[in-house]
Amino acid sequence: MPTTLTLKNIPDQVYERLKAAAEAHRRSLNSEAIVCLETVLTPTRIAPSERLARARELRAGITATFRARDIDALKRQGRP
């Protein structure tokens, strides 16, 4: 089960770089921070089968249904 972590006193420069990276990768700040931590703390490559299993696990947790036309409409509007 995932654990919640709260970060305090993040230097402004680090926050701005994290925010820019999150926007560039179209991720939330939280997701970008997790990816950064995983990159630094997990030096070994993840096997494709593990990555696929994780993707399937994440997909199974999504309860919303997205139709192609809804996705296209959101792309035209820009994501919030």
C-alpha atoms as a PDB file:
ATOM      1  CA  MET A   1       0.000   0.000   0.000  1.00  0.00           C
ATOM      2  CA  PRO A   2       1.384   3.433  -0.914  1.00  0.00           C
ATOM      3  CA  THR A   3       2.479   5.758   1.844  1.00  0.00           C
ATOM      4  CA  THR A   4       1.774   9.495   2.000  1.00  0.00           C
ATOM      5  CA  LEU A   5       4.760  11.807   2.305  1.00  0.00           C
ATOM      6  CA  THR A   6       4.615  15.534   2.972  1.00  0.00           C
ATOM      7  CA  LEU A   7       7.598  17.659   1.976  1.00  0.00           C
ATOM      8  CA  LYS A   8       8.283  20.940   3.762  1.00  0.00           C
ATOM      9  CA  ASN A   9      10.673  23.813   3.126  1.00  0.00           C
ATOM     10  CA  ILE A  10      11.342  22.928  -0.495  1.00  0.00           C
ATOM     11  CA  PRO A  11      13.678  25.580  -1.923  1.00  0.00           C
ATOM     12  CA  ASP A  12      11.897  27.836  -4.426  1.00  0.00           C
ATOM     13  CA  GLN A  13      14.329  26.915  -7.205  1.00  0.00           C
ATOM     14  CA  VAL A  14      13.730  23.175  -6.695  1.00  0.00           C
ATOM     15  CA  TYR A  15       9.960  23.693  -6.612  1.00  0.00           C
ATOM     16  CA  GLU A  16      10.025  25.709  -9.840  1.00  0.00           C
ATOM     17  CA  ARG A  17      12.144  23.072 -11.598  1.00  0.00           C
ATOM     18  CA  LEU A  18       9.823  20.309 -10.401  1.00  0.00           C
ATOM     19  CA  LYS A  19       6.788  22.291 -11.535  1.00  0.00           C
ATOM     20  CA  ALA A  20       8.338  22.918 -14.978  1.00  0.00           C
ATOM     21  CA  ALA A  21       9.243  19.243 -15.341  1.00  0.00           C
ATOM     22  CA  ALA A  22       5.718  18.194 -14.344  1.00  0.00           C
ATOM     23  CA  GLU A  23       4.212  20.503 -16.955  1.00  0.00           C
ATOM     24  CA  ALA A  24       6.643  19.283 -19.618  1.00  0.00           C
ATOM     25  CA  HIS A  25       5.763  15.663 -18.886  1.00  0.00           C
ATOM     26  CA  ARG A  26       2.047  16.440 -18.423  1.00  0.00           C
ATOM     27  CA  ARG A  27       2.098  15.099 -14.860  1.00  0.00           C
ATOM     28  CA  SER A  28       0.950  16.405 -11.516  1.00  0.00           C
ATOM     29  CA  LEU A  29       3.588  17.701  -9.114  1.00  0.00           C
ATOM     30  CA  ASN A  30       3.044  14.598  -7.009  1.00  0.00           C
ATOM     31  CA  SER A  31       3.544  12.222  -9.936  1.00  0.00           C
ATOM     32  CA  GLU A  32       6.634  14.088 -11.101  1.00  0.00           C
ATOM     33  CA  ALA A  33       8.127  13.973  -7.589  1.00  0.00           C
ATOM     34  CA  ILE A  34       7.512  10.215  -7.434  1.00  0.00           C
ATOM     35  CA  VAL A  35       9.170   9.693 -10.823  1.00  0.00           C
ATOM     36  CA  CYS A  36      12.166  11.782  -9.724  1.00  0.00           C
ATOM     37  CA  LEU A  37      12.506   9.818  -6.485  1.00  0.00           C
ATOM     38  CA  GLU A  38      12.170   6.494  -8.287  1.00  0.00           C
ATOM     39  CA  THR A  39      14.800   7.527 -10.819  1.00  0.00           C
ATOM     40  CA  VAL A  40      17.297   8.388  -8.107  1.00  0.00           C
ATOM     41  CA  LEU A  41      16.482   5.651  -5.609  1.00  0.00           C
ATOM     42  CA  THR A  42      15.831   2.772  -7.988  1.00  0.00           C
ATOM     43  CA  PRO A  43      19.024   2.516 -10.024  1.00  0.00           C
ATOM     44  CA  THR A  44      18.126  -0.804 -11.630  1.00  0.00           C
ATOM     45  CA  ARG A  45      15.943  -1.000 -14.687  1.00  0.00           C
ATOM     46  CA  ILE A  46      12.394  -2.195 -14.244  1.00  0.00           C
ATOM     47  CA  ALA A  47      11.612  -5.272 -16.280  1.00  0.00           C
ATOM     48  CA  PRO A  48       9.034  -4.678 -19.018  1.00  0.00           C
ATOM     49  CA  SER A  49       6.769  -7.281 -17.428  1.00  0.00           C
ATOM     50  CA  GLU A  50       6.866  -5.358 -14.129  1.00  0.00           C
ATOM     51  CA  ARG A  51       6.125  -2.075 -15.873  1.00  0.00           C
ATOM     52  CA  LEU A  52       3.246  -3.681 -17.748  1.00  0.00           C
ATOM     53  CA  ALA A  53       1.846  -5.183 -14.538  1.00  0.00           C
ATOM     54  CA  ARG A  54       2.024  -1.753 -12.858  1.00  0.00           C
ATOM     55  CA  ALA A  55       0.283  -0.101 -15.824  1.00  0.00           C
ATOM     56  CA  ARG A  56      -2.474  -2.700 -15.718  1.00  0.00           C
ATOM     57  CA  GLU A  57      -2.840  -2.188 -11.968  1.00  0.00           C
ATOM     58  CA  LEU A  58      -3.185   1.559 -12.450  1.00  0.00           C
ATOM     59  CA  ARG A  59      -5.624   1.120 -15.321  1.00  0.00           C
ATOM     60  CA  ALA A  60      -7.781  -1.223 -13.219  1.00  0.00           C
ATOM     61  CA  GLY A  61      -8.067   1.526 -10.596  1.00  0.00           C
ATOM     62  CA  ILE A  62      -9.595   4.015 -13.050  1.00  0.00           C
ATOM     63  CA  THR A  63     -13.340   4.132 -12.649  1.00  0.00           C
ATOM     64  CA  ALA A  64     -14.090   6.815 -15.244  1.00  0.00           C
ATOM     65  CA  THR A  65     -14.810   5.937 -18.861  1.00  0.00           C
ATOM     66  CA  PHE A  66     -13.197   8.092 -21.509  1.00  0.00           C
ATOM     67  CA  ARG A  67     -14.592   8.175 -25.020  1.00  0.00           C
ATOM     68  CA  ALA A  68     -12.433   9.243 -27.957  1.00  0.00           C
ATOM     69  CA  ARG A  69     -14.654  12.243 -28.736  1.00  0.00           C
ATOM     70  CA  ASP A  70     -14.459  13.434 -25.108  1.00  0.00           C
ATOM     71  CA  ILE A  71     -10.673  13.138 -25.150  1.00  0.00           C
ATOM     72  CA  ASP A  72     -10.486  15.031 -28.450  1.00  0.00           C
ATOM     73  CA  ALA A  73     -12.713  17.791 -27.067  1.00  0.00           C
ATOM     74  CA  LEU A  74     -10.501  18.124 -23.985  1.00  0.00           C
ATOM     75  CA  LYS A  75      -7.380  18.283 -26.144  1.00  0.00           C
ATOM     76  CA  ARG A  76      -8.894  21.128 -28.159  1.00  0.00           C
ATOM     77  CA  GLN A  77      -9.750  23.014 -24.962  1.00  0.00           C
ATOM     78  CA  GLY A  78      -6.436  22.405 -23.241  1.00  0.00           C
ATOM     79  CA  ARG A  79      -6.204  20.346 -20.097  1.00  0.00           C
ATOM     80  CA  PRO A  80      -7.016  21.982 -16.755  1.00  0.00           C
END
